[in-house]
Amino acid sequence: MDRTFTERQLDRIIEMAWEDRTPFDAITFQFGISEQETIEIMRREMKPSSFRMWRKRVQGRSTKHAKLRTDDVNRFKCSRQKHISGNKVSKR
């Protein structure tokens, strides 16, 4: 991965990765990184035990993978989450 992210962007990527209803596609859309790159960031930025807990939690979770979602889930983010557009970090 050749992209360099600010601390704020890294925080947002990690936050989005932890959110149950935010698919990896949303992270790709907002930050231009793949699911594998997101996993690499999580591995690098988190304590090993936290990373293992996160991986166990998201592996196979249908809400984290848009193709596995049911048709009634058609948005990137929780309805209570602030608006996100393009590559801007707007939650803070």
PDB file of N, CA and C in Angstrom:
ATOM      1  N   MET A   1       0.859  -1.175   0.000  1.00  0.00           N
ATOM      2  CA  MET A   1       0.000   0.000   0.000  1.00  0.00           C
ATOM      3  C   MET A   1       0.902   1.234   0.000  1.00  0.00           C
ATOM      4  N   ASP A   2       0.756   2.103  -0.994  1.00  0.00           N
ATOM      5  CA  ASP A   2       1.596   3.295  -1.062  1.00  0.00           C
ATOM      6  C   ASP A   2       0.925   4.542  -0.531  1.00  0.00           C
ATOM      7  N   ARG A   3      -0.336   4.469  -0.171  1.00  0.00           N
ATOM      8  CA  ARG A   3      -1.032   5.651   0.340  1.00  0.00           C
ATOM      9  C   ARG A   3      -0.630   5.940   1.770  1.00  0.00           C
ATOM     10  N   THR A   4      -0.509   7.210   2.059  1.00  0.00           N
ATOM     11  CA  THR A   4      -0.245   7.642   3.422  1.00  0.00           C
ATOM     12  C   THR A   4      -1.483   8.365   3.910  1.00  0.00           C
ATOM     13  N   PHE A   5      -1.953   7.959   5.077  1.00  0.00           N
ATOM     14  CA  PHE A   5      -3.150   8.562   5.637  1.00  0.00           C
ATOM     15  C   PHE A   5      -2.790   9.383   6.859  1.00  0.00           C
ATOM     16  N   THR A   6      -3.559  10.441   7.087  1.00  0.00           N
ATOM     17  CA  THR A   6      -3.388  11.227   8.297  1.00  0.00           C
ATOM     18  C   THR A   6      -3.899  10.404   9.480  1.00  0.00           C
ATOM     19  N   GLU A   7      -3.574  10.838  10.663  1.00  0.00           N
ATOM     20  CA  GLU A   7      -4.058  10.148  11.869  1.00  0.00           C
ATOM     21  C   GLU A   7      -5.587  10.155  11.902  1.00  0.00           C
ATOM     22  N   ARG A   8      -6.165  11.241  11.508  1.00  0.00           N
ATOM     23  CA  ARG A   8      -7.629  11.361  11.484  1.00  0.00           C
ATOM     24  C   ARG A   8      -8.256  10.378  10.487  1.00  0.00           C
ATOM     25  N   GLN A   9      -7.639  10.255   9.308  1.00  0.00           N
ATOM     26  CA  GLN A   9      -8.140   9.309   8.315  1.00  0.00           C
ATOM     27  C   GLN A   9      -8.001   7.869   8.813  1.00  0.00           C
ATOM     28  N   LEU A  10      -6.862   7.554   9.434  1.00  0.00           N
ATOM     29  CA  LEU A  10      -6.676   6.212   9.991  1.00  0.00           C
ATOM     30  C   LEU A  10      -7.721   5.918  11.059  1.00  0.00           C
ATOM     31  N   ASP A  11      -7.973   6.896  11.911  1.00  0.00           N
ATOM     32  CA  ASP A  11      -9.013   6.725  12.936  1.00  0.00           C
ATOM     33  C   ASP A  11     -10.363   6.424  12.297  1.00  0.00           C
ATOM     34  N   ARG A  12     -10.675   7.109  11.223  1.00  0.00           N
ATOM     35  CA  ARG A  12     -11.963   6.915  10.558  1.00  0.00           C
ATOM     36  C   ARG A  12     -12.038   5.541   9.880  1.00  0.00           C
ATOM     37  N   ILE A  13     -10.946   5.120   9.251  1.00  0.00           N
ATOM     38  CA  ILE A  13     -10.911   3.799   8.629  1.00  0.00           C
ATOM     39  C   ILE A  13     -11.142   2.723   9.686  1.00  0.00           C
ATOM     40  N   ILE A  14     -10.455   2.838  10.812  1.00  0.00           N
ATOM     41  CA  ILE A  14     -10.598   1.868  11.902  1.00  0.00           C
ATOM     42  C   ILE A  14     -12.024   1.895  12.443  1.00  0.00           C
ATOM     43  N   GLU A  15     -12.555   3.080  12.607  1.00  0.00           N
ATOM     44  CA  GLU A  15     -13.921   3.220  13.112  1.00  0.00           C
ATOM     45  C   GLU A  15     -14.924   2.571  12.155  1.00  0.00           C
ATOM     46  N   MET A  16     -14.768   2.821  10.872  1.00  0.00           N
ATOM     47  CA  MET A  16     -15.664   2.234   9.883  1.00  0.00           C
ATOM     48  C   MET A  16     -15.527   0.709   9.850  1.00  0.00           C
ATOM     49  N   ALA A  17     -14.298   0.233  10.001  1.00  0.00           N
ATOM     50  CA  ALA A  17     -14.076  -1.223   9.997  1.00  0.00           C
ATOM     51  C   ALA A  17     -14.743  -1.879  11.204  1.00  0.00           C
ATOM     52  N   TRP A  18     -14.798  -1.188  12.334  1.00  0.00           N
ATOM     53  CA  TRP A  18     -15.438  -1.728  13.543  1.00  0.00           C
ATOM     54  C   TRP A  18     -16.955  -1.701  13.455  1.00  0.00           C
ATOM     55  N   GLU A  19     -17.505  -0.767  12.685  1.00  0.00           N
ATOM     56  CA  GLU A  19     -18.960  -0.636  12.601  1.00  0.00           C
ATOM     57  C   GLU A  19     -19.555  -1.849  11.893  1.00  0.00           C
ATOM     58  N   ASP A  20     -20.523  -2.481  12.530  1.00  0.00           N
ATOM     59  CA  ASP A  20     -21.123  -3.698  11.978  1.00  0.00           C
ATOM     60  C   ASP A  20     -21.800  -3.472  10.631  1.00  0.00           C
ATOM     61  N   ARG A  21     -22.475  -2.355  10.471  1.00  0.00           N
ATOM     62  CA  ARG A  21     -23.276  -2.154   9.263  1.00  0.00           C
ATOM     63  C   ARG A  21     -22.539  -1.411   8.162  1.00  0.00           C
ATOM     64  N   THR A  22     -21.270  -1.103   8.362  1.00  0.00           N
ATOM     65  CA  THR A  22     -20.498  -0.417   7.325  1.00  0.00           C
ATOM     66  C   THR A  22     -19.688  -1.457   6.556  1.00  0.00           C
ATOM     67  N   PRO A  23     -20.038  -1.707   5.284  1.00  0.00           N
ATOM     68  CA  PRO A  23     -19.313  -2.720   4.518  1.00  0.00           C
ATOM     69  C   PRO A  23     -17.928  -2.226   4.097  1.00  0.00           C
ATOM     70  N   PHE A  24     -17.083  -3.172   3.766  1.00  0.00           N
ATOM     71  CA  PHE A  24     -15.752  -2.824   3.271  1.00  0.00           C
ATOM     72  C   PHE A  24     -15.849  -1.985   2.008  1.00  0.00           C
ATOM     73  N   ASP A  25     -16.924  -2.168   1.231  1.00  0.00           N
ATOM     74  CA  ASP A  25     -17.117  -1.361   0.020  1.00  0.00           C
ATOM     75  C   ASP A  25     -17.195   0.127   0.335  1.00  0.00           C
ATOM     76  N   ALA A  26     -17.756   0.472   1.493  1.00  0.00           N
ATOM     77  CA  ALA A  26     -17.847   1.886   1.883  1.00  0.00           C
ATOM     78  C   ALA A  26     -16.459   2.451   2.172  1.00  0.00           C
ATOM     79  N   ILE A  27     -15.604   1.645   2.779  1.00  0.00           N
ATOM     80  CA  ILE A  27     -14.231   2.079   3.054  1.00  0.00           C
ATOM     81  C   ILE A  27     -13.484   2.250   1.730  1.00  0.00           C
ATOM     82  N   THR A  28     -13.709   1.317   0.806  1.00  0.00           N
ATOM     83  CA  THR A  28     -13.099   1.423  -0.527  1.00  0.00           C
ATOM     84  C   THR A  28     -13.579   2.685  -1.226  1.00  0.00           C
ATOM     85  N   PHE A  29     -14.875   2.950  -1.161  1.00  0.00           N
ATOM     86  CA  PHE A  29     -15.450   4.134  -1.801  1.00  0.00           C
ATOM     87  C   PHE A  29     -14.867   5.418  -1.228  1.00  0.00           C
ATOM     88  N   GLN A  30     -14.765   5.482   0.083  1.00  0.00           N
ATOM     89  CA  GLN A  30     -14.326   6.723   0.729  1.00  0.00           C
ATOM     90  C   GLN A  30     -12.819   6.920   0.702  1.00  0.00           C
ATOM     91  N   PHE A  31     -12.051   5.832   0.846  1.00  0.00           N
ATOM     92  CA  PHE A  31     -10.598   5.979   0.988  1.00  0.00           C
ATOM     93  C   PHE A  31      -9.790   5.333  -0.132  1.00  0.00           C
ATOM     94  N   GLY A  32     -10.437   4.613  -1.023  1.00  0.00           N
ATOM     95  CA  GLY A  32      -9.737   4.020  -2.164  1.00  0.00           C
ATOM     96  C   GLY A  32      -8.835   2.855  -1.799  1.00  0.00           C
ATOM     97  N   ILE A  33      -9.161   2.139  -0.726  1.00  0.00           N
ATOM     98  CA  ILE A  33      -8.357   0.981  -0.329  1.00  0.00           C
ATOM     99  C   ILE A  33      -9.230  -0.268  -0.351  1.00  0.00           C
ATOM    100  N   SER A  34      -8.596  -1.399  -0.628  1.00  0.00           N
ATOM    101  CA  SER A  34      -9.326  -2.660  -0.713  1.00  0.00           C
ATOM    102  C   SER A  34      -9.595  -3.230   0.679  1.00  0.00           C
ATOM    103  N   GLU A  35     -10.397  -4.282   0.700  1.00  0.00           N
ATOM    104  CA  GLU A  35     -10.657  -4.977   1.965  1.00  0.00           C
ATOM    105  C   GLU A  35      -9.351  -5.490   2.565  1.00  0.00           C
ATOM    106  N   GLN A  36      -8.483  -6.046   1.716  1.00  0.00           N
ATOM    107  CA  GLN A  36      -7.201  -6.559   2.206  1.00  0.00           C
ATOM    108  C   GLN A  36      -6.337  -5.439   2.790  1.00  0.00           C
ATOM    109  N   GLU A  37      -6.327  -4.279   2.156  1.00  0.00           N
ATOM    110  CA  GLU A  37      -5.566  -3.142   2.687  1.00  0.00           C
ATOM    111  C   GLU A  37      -6.150  -2.670   4.013  1.00  0.00           C
ATOM    112  N   THR A  38      -7.487  -2.714   4.132  1.00  0.00           N
ATOM    113  CA  THR A  38      -8.130  -2.363   5.401  1.00  0.00           C
ATOM    114  C   THR A  38      -7.684  -3.322   6.492  1.00  0.00           C
ATOM    115  N   ILE A  39      -7.649  -4.602   6.173  1.00  0.00           N
ATOM    116  CA  ILE A  39      -7.210  -5.616   7.139  1.00  0.00           C
ATOM    117  C   ILE A  39      -5.763  -5.363   7.548  1.00  0.00           C
ATOM    118  N   GLU A  40      -4.916  -5.011   6.594  1.00  0.00           N
ATOM    119  CA  GLU A  40      -3.510  -4.713   6.898  1.00  0.00           C
ATOM    120  C   GLU A  40      -3.386  -3.505   7.825  1.00  0.00           C
ATOM    121  N   ILE A  41      -4.204  -2.478   7.594  1.00  0.00           N
ATOM    122  CA  ILE A  41      -4.198  -1.296   8.469  1.00  0.00           C
ATOM    123  C   ILE A  41      -4.637  -1.697   9.872  1.00  0.00           C
ATOM    124  N   MET A  42      -5.688  -2.473   9.953  1.00  0.00           N
ATOM    125  CA  MET A  42      -6.185  -2.921  11.265  1.00  0.00           C
ATOM    126  C   MET A  42      -5.102  -3.728  11.991  1.00  0.00           C
ATOM    127  N   ARG A  43      -4.436  -4.616  11.283  1.00  0.00           N
ATOM    128  CA  ARG A  43      -3.380  -5.440  11.887  1.00  0.00           C
ATOM    129  C   ARG A  43      -2.237  -4.552  12.402  1.00  0.00           C
ATOM    130  N   ARG A  44      -1.873  -3.547  11.607  1.00  0.00           N
ATOM    131  CA  ARG A  44      -0.748  -2.680  11.958  1.00  0.00           C
ATOM    132  C   ARG A  44      -1.078  -1.712  13.091  1.00  0.00           C
ATOM    133  N   GLU A  45      -2.314  -1.199  13.113  1.00  0.00           N
ATOM    134  CA  GLU A  45      -2.675  -0.129  14.039  1.00  0.00           C
ATOM    135  C   GLU A  45      -3.255  -0.611  15.371  1.00  0.00           C
ATOM    136  N   MET A  46      -3.659  -1.868  15.436  1.00  0.00           N
ATOM    137  CA  MET A  46      -4.309  -2.364  16.654  1.00  0.00           C
ATOM    138  C   MET A  46      -3.388  -3.295  17.431  1.00  0.00           C
ATOM    139  N   LYS A  47      -3.702  -3.465  18.708  1.00  0.00           N
ATOM    140  CA  LYS A  47      -3.002  -4.468  19.502  1.00  0.00           C
ATOM    141  C   LYS A  47      -3.356  -5.833  18.916  1.00  0.00           C
ATOM    142  N   PRO A  48      -2.437  -6.795  18.986  1.00  0.00           N
ATOM    143  CA  PRO A  48      -2.717  -8.122  18.410  1.00  0.00           C
ATOM    144  C   PRO A  48      -4.016  -8.751  18.920  1.00  0.00           C
ATOM    145  N   SER A  49      -4.295  -8.629  20.208  1.00  0.00           N
ATOM    146  CA  SER A  49      -5.520  -9.240  20.746  1.00  0.00           C
ATOM    147  C   SER A  49      -6.763  -8.536  20.210  1.00  0.00           C
ATOM    148  N   SER A  50      -6.705  -7.222  20.049  1.00  0.00           N
ATOM    149  CA  SER A  50      -7.838  -6.472  19.498  1.00  0.00           C
ATOM    150  C   SER A  50      -8.052  -6.831  18.033  1.00  0.00           C
ATOM    151  N   PHE A  51      -6.950  -6.984  17.302  1.00  0.00           N
ATOM    152  CA  PHE A  51      -7.061  -7.362  15.896  1.00  0.00           C
ATOM    153  C   PHE A  51      -7.711  -8.742  15.761  1.00  0.00           C
ATOM    154  N   ARG A  52      -7.275  -9.695  16.557  1.00  0.00           N
ATOM    155  CA  ARG A  52      -7.846 -11.046  16.499  1.00  0.00           C
ATOM    156  C   ARG A  52      -9.345 -11.017  16.817  1.00  0.00           C
ATOM    157  N   MET A  53      -9.727 -10.234  17.809  1.00  0.00           N
ATOM    158  CA  MET A  53     -11.136 -10.114  18.177  1.00  0.00           C
ATOM    159  C   MET A  53     -11.935  -9.509  17.006  1.00  0.00           C
ATOM    160  N   TRP A  54     -11.385  -8.473  16.380  1.00  0.00           N
ATOM    161  CA  TRP A  54     -12.057  -7.830  15.254  1.00  0.00           C
ATOM    162  C   TRP A  54     -12.196  -8.799  14.078  1.00  0.00           C
ATOM    163  N   ARG A  55     -11.119  -9.510  13.746  1.00  0.00           N
ATOM    164  CA  ARG A  55     -11.159 -10.454  12.614  1.00  0.00           C
ATOM    165  C   ARG A  55     -12.194 -11.544  12.845  1.00  0.00           C
ATOM    166  N   LYS A  56     -12.238 -12.060  14.054  1.00  0.00           N
ATOM    167  CA  LYS A  56     -13.204 -13.104  14.370  1.00  0.00           C
ATOM    168  C   LYS A  56     -14.631 -12.562  14.205  1.00  0.00           C
ATOM    169  N   ARG A  57     -14.799 -11.311  14.603  1.00  0.00           N
ATOM    170  CA  ARG A  57     -16.119 -10.685  14.560  1.00  0.00           C
ATOM    171  C   ARG A  57     -16.596 -10.409  13.137  1.00  0.00           C
ATOM    172  N   VAL A  58     -15.713  -9.955  12.256  1.00  0.00           N
ATOM    173  CA  VAL A  58     -16.146  -9.545  10.911  1.00  0.00           C
ATOM    174  C   VAL A  58     -16.067 -10.661   9.874  1.00  0.00           C
ATOM    175  N   GLN A  59     -15.329 -11.708  10.161  1.00  0.00           N
ATOM    176  CA  GLN A  59     -15.166 -12.768   9.168  1.00  0.00           C
ATOM    177  C   GLN A  59     -16.517 -13.420   8.857  1.00  0.00           C
ATOM    178  N   GLY A  60     -16.921 -13.329   7.610  1.00  0.00           N
ATOM    179  CA  GLY A  60     -18.172 -13.916   7.188  1.00  0.00           C
ATOM    180  C   GLY A  60     -19.420 -13.140   7.585  1.00  0.00           C
ATOM    181  N   ARG A  61     -19.259 -12.008   8.247  1.00  0.00           N
ATOM    182  CA  ARG A  61     -20.418 -11.195   8.659  1.00  0.00           C
ATOM    183  C   ARG A  61     -21.051 -10.585   7.412  1.00  0.00           C
ATOM    184  N   SER A  62     -22.307 -10.880   7.208  1.00  0.00           N
ATOM    185  CA  SER A  62     -22.953 -10.454   5.970  1.00  0.00           C
ATOM    186  C   SER A  62     -23.043  -8.935   5.841  1.00  0.00           C
ATOM    187  N   THR A  63     -23.143  -8.221   6.937  1.00  0.00           N
ATOM    188  CA  THR A  63     -23.263  -6.761   6.844  1.00  0.00           C
ATOM    189  C   THR A  63     -21.945  -6.094   6.461  1.00  0.00           C
ATOM    190  N   LYS A  64     -20.810  -6.780   6.600  1.00  0.00           N
ATOM    191  CA  LYS A  64     -19.523  -6.205   6.221  1.00  0.00           C
ATOM    192  C   LYS A  64     -19.197  -6.465   4.753  1.00  0.00           C
ATOM    193  N   HIS A  65     -19.965  -7.318   4.104  1.00  0.00           N
ATOM    194  CA  HIS A  65     -19.723  -7.670   2.712  1.00  0.00           C
ATOM    195  C   HIS A  65     -21.007  -7.422   1.927  1.00  0.00           C
ATOM    196  N   ALA A  66     -20.985  -6.419   1.071  1.00  0.00           N
ATOM    197  CA  ALA A  66     -22.195  -5.990   0.365  1.00  0.00           C
ATOM    198  C   ALA A  66     -22.860  -7.133  -0.405  1.00  0.00           C
ATOM    199  N   LYS A  67     -22.086  -8.044  -0.961  1.00  0.00           N
ATOM    200  CA  LYS A  67     -22.665  -9.132  -1.746  1.00  0.00           C
ATOM    201  C   LYS A  67     -23.427 -10.128  -0.876  1.00  0.00           C
ATOM    202  N   LEU A  68     -23.107 -10.186   0.407  1.00  0.00           N
ATOM    203  CA  LEU A  68     -23.779 -11.110   1.316  1.00  0.00           C
ATOM    204  C   LEU A  68     -24.986 -10.490   2.006  1.00  0.00           C
ATOM    205  N   ARG A  69     -25.183  -9.194   1.825  1.00  0.00           N
ATOM    206  CA  ARG A  69     -26.283  -8.499   2.491  1.00  0.00           C
ATOM    207  C   ARG A  69     -27.622  -8.894   1.911  1.00  0.00           C
ATOM    208  N   THR A  70     -28.634  -8.795   2.738  1.00  0.00           N
ATOM    209  CA  THR A  70     -29.990  -8.998   2.228  1.00  0.00           C
ATOM    210  C   THR A  70     -30.425  -7.741   1.487  1.00  0.00           C
ATOM    211  N   ASP A  71     -31.454  -7.856   0.673  1.00  0.00           N
ATOM    212  CA  ASP A  71     -31.905  -6.717  -0.136  1.00  0.00           C
ATOM    213  C   ASP A  71     -32.433  -5.552   0.681  1.00  0.00           C
ATOM    214  N   ASP A  72     -32.869  -5.789   1.918  1.00  0.00           N
ATOM    215  CA  ASP A  72     -33.421  -4.695   2.721  1.00  0.00           C
ATOM    216  C   ASP A  72     -32.337  -3.796   3.314  1.00  0.00           C
ATOM    217  N   VAL A  73     -31.069  -4.194   3.231  1.00  0.00           N
ATOM    218  CA  VAL A  73     -29.964  -3.349   3.688  1.00  0.00           C
ATOM    219  C   VAL A  73     -29.334  -2.748   2.447  1.00  0.00           C
ATOM    220  N   ASN A  74     -29.622  -1.471   2.199  1.00  0.00           N
ATOM    221  CA  ASN A  74     -29.175  -0.870   0.950  1.00  0.00           C
ATOM    222  C   ASN A  74     -28.395   0.425   1.157  1.00  0.00           C
ATOM    223  N   ARG A  75     -27.781   0.586   2.302  1.00  0.00           N
ATOM    224  CA  ARG A  75     -27.010   1.804   2.545  1.00  0.00           C
ATOM    225  C   ARG A  75     -25.653   1.429   3.121  1.00  0.00           C
ATOM    226  N   PHE A  76     -24.699   2.362   3.002  1.00  0.00           N
ATOM    227  CA  PHE A  76     -23.348   2.154   3.494  1.00  0.00           C
ATOM    228  C   PHE A  76     -23.237   2.324   4.999  1.00  0.00           C
ATOM    229  N   LYS A  77     -24.110   3.127   5.558  1.00  0.00           N
ATOM    230  CA  LYS A  77     -23.904   3.538   6.939  1.00  0.00           C
ATOM    231  C   LYS A  77     -25.187   3.431   7.743  1.00  0.00           C
ATOM    232  N   CYS A  78     -25.013   3.468   9.025  1.00  0.00           N
ATOM    233  CA  CYS A  78     -26.144   3.450   9.938  1.00  0.00           C
ATOM    234  C   CYS A  78     -26.948   4.735   9.751  1.00  0.00           C
ATOM    235  N   SER A  79     -28.250   4.659   9.904  1.00  0.00           N
ATOM    236  CA  SER A  79     -29.096   5.842   9.717  1.00  0.00           C
ATOM    237  C   SER A  79     -28.797   6.925  10.751  1.00  0.00           C
ATOM    238  N   ARG A  80     -28.183   6.554  11.869  1.00  0.00           N
ATOM    239  CA  ARG A  80     -27.863   7.535  12.920  1.00  0.00           C
ATOM    240  C   ARG A  80     -26.479   8.159  12.736  1.00  0.00           C
ATOM    241  N   GLN A  81     -25.711   7.682  11.770  1.00  0.00           N
ATOM    242  CA  GLN A  81     -24.366   8.188  11.528  1.00  0.00           C
ATOM    243  C   GLN A  81     -24.427   9.471  10.701  1.00  0.00           C
ATOM    244  N   LYS A  82     -23.518  10.386  10.969  1.00  0.00           N
ATOM    245  CA  LYS A  82     -23.493  11.634  10.208  1.00  0.00           C
ATOM    246  C   LYS A  82     -23.151  11.363   8.750  1.00  0.00           C
ATOM    247  N   HIS A  83     -23.465  12.308   7.913  1.00  0.00           N
ATOM    248  CA  HIS A  83     -23.277  12.176   6.478  1.00  0.00           C
ATOM    249  C   HIS A  83     -21.805  12.047   6.104  1.00  0.00           C
ATOM    250  N   ILE A  84     -21.518  11.137   5.182  1.00  0.00           N
ATOM    251  CA  ILE A  84     -20.159  10.938   4.658  1.00  0.00           C
ATOM    252  C   ILE A  84     -20.234  11.153   3.154  1.00  0.00           C
ATOM    253  N   SER A  85     -19.337  11.931   2.610  1.00  0.00           N
ATOM    254  CA  SER A  85     -19.339  12.106   1.163  1.00  0.00           C
ATOM    255  C   SER A  85     -17.931  12.035   0.630  1.00  0.00           C
ATOM    256  N   GLY A  86     -17.789  11.334  -0.478  1.00  0.00           N
ATOM    257  CA  GLY A  86     -16.504  11.257  -1.151  1.00  0.00           C
ATOM    258  C   GLY A  86     -15.388  10.800  -0.239  1.00  0.00           C
ATOM    259  N   ASN A  87     -14.336  11.565  -0.185  1.00  0.00           N
ATOM    260  CA  ASN A  87     -13.161  11.195   0.584  1.00  0.00           C
ATOM    261  C   ASN A  87     -12.985  12.117   1.792  1.00  0.00           C
ATOM    262  N   LYS A  88     -14.079  12.687   2.247  1.00  0.00           N
ATOM    263  CA  LYS A  88     -14.008  13.627   3.369  1.00  0.00           C
ATOM    264  C   LYS A  88     -14.351  12.912   4.665  1.00  0.00           C
ATOM    265  N   VAL A  89     -13.637  13.257   5.700  1.00  0.00           N
ATOM    266  CA  VAL A  89     -13.927  12.723   7.019  1.00  0.00           C
ATOM    267  C   VAL A  89     -14.832  13.734   7.686  1.00  0.00           C
ATOM    268  N   SER A  90     -16.101  13.383   7.854  1.00  0.00           N
ATOM    269  CA  SER A  90     -17.049  14.374   8.361  1.00  0.00           C
ATOM    270  C   SER A  90     -17.705  13.962   9.664  1.00  0.00           C
ATOM    271  N   LYS A  91     -17.269  12.884  10.270  1.00  0.00           N
ATOM    272  CA  LYS A  91     -17.918  12.415  11.476  1.00  0.00           C
ATOM    273  C   LYS A  91     -17.499  13.228  12.694  1.00  0.00           C
ATOM    274  N   ARG A  92     -16.334  13.815  12.680  1.00  0.00           N
ATOM    275  CA  ARG A  92     -15.846  14.563  13.844  1.00  0.00           C
ATOM    276  C   ARG A  92     -16.181  16.017  13.739  1.00  0.00           C
TER     277      ARG A  92
END
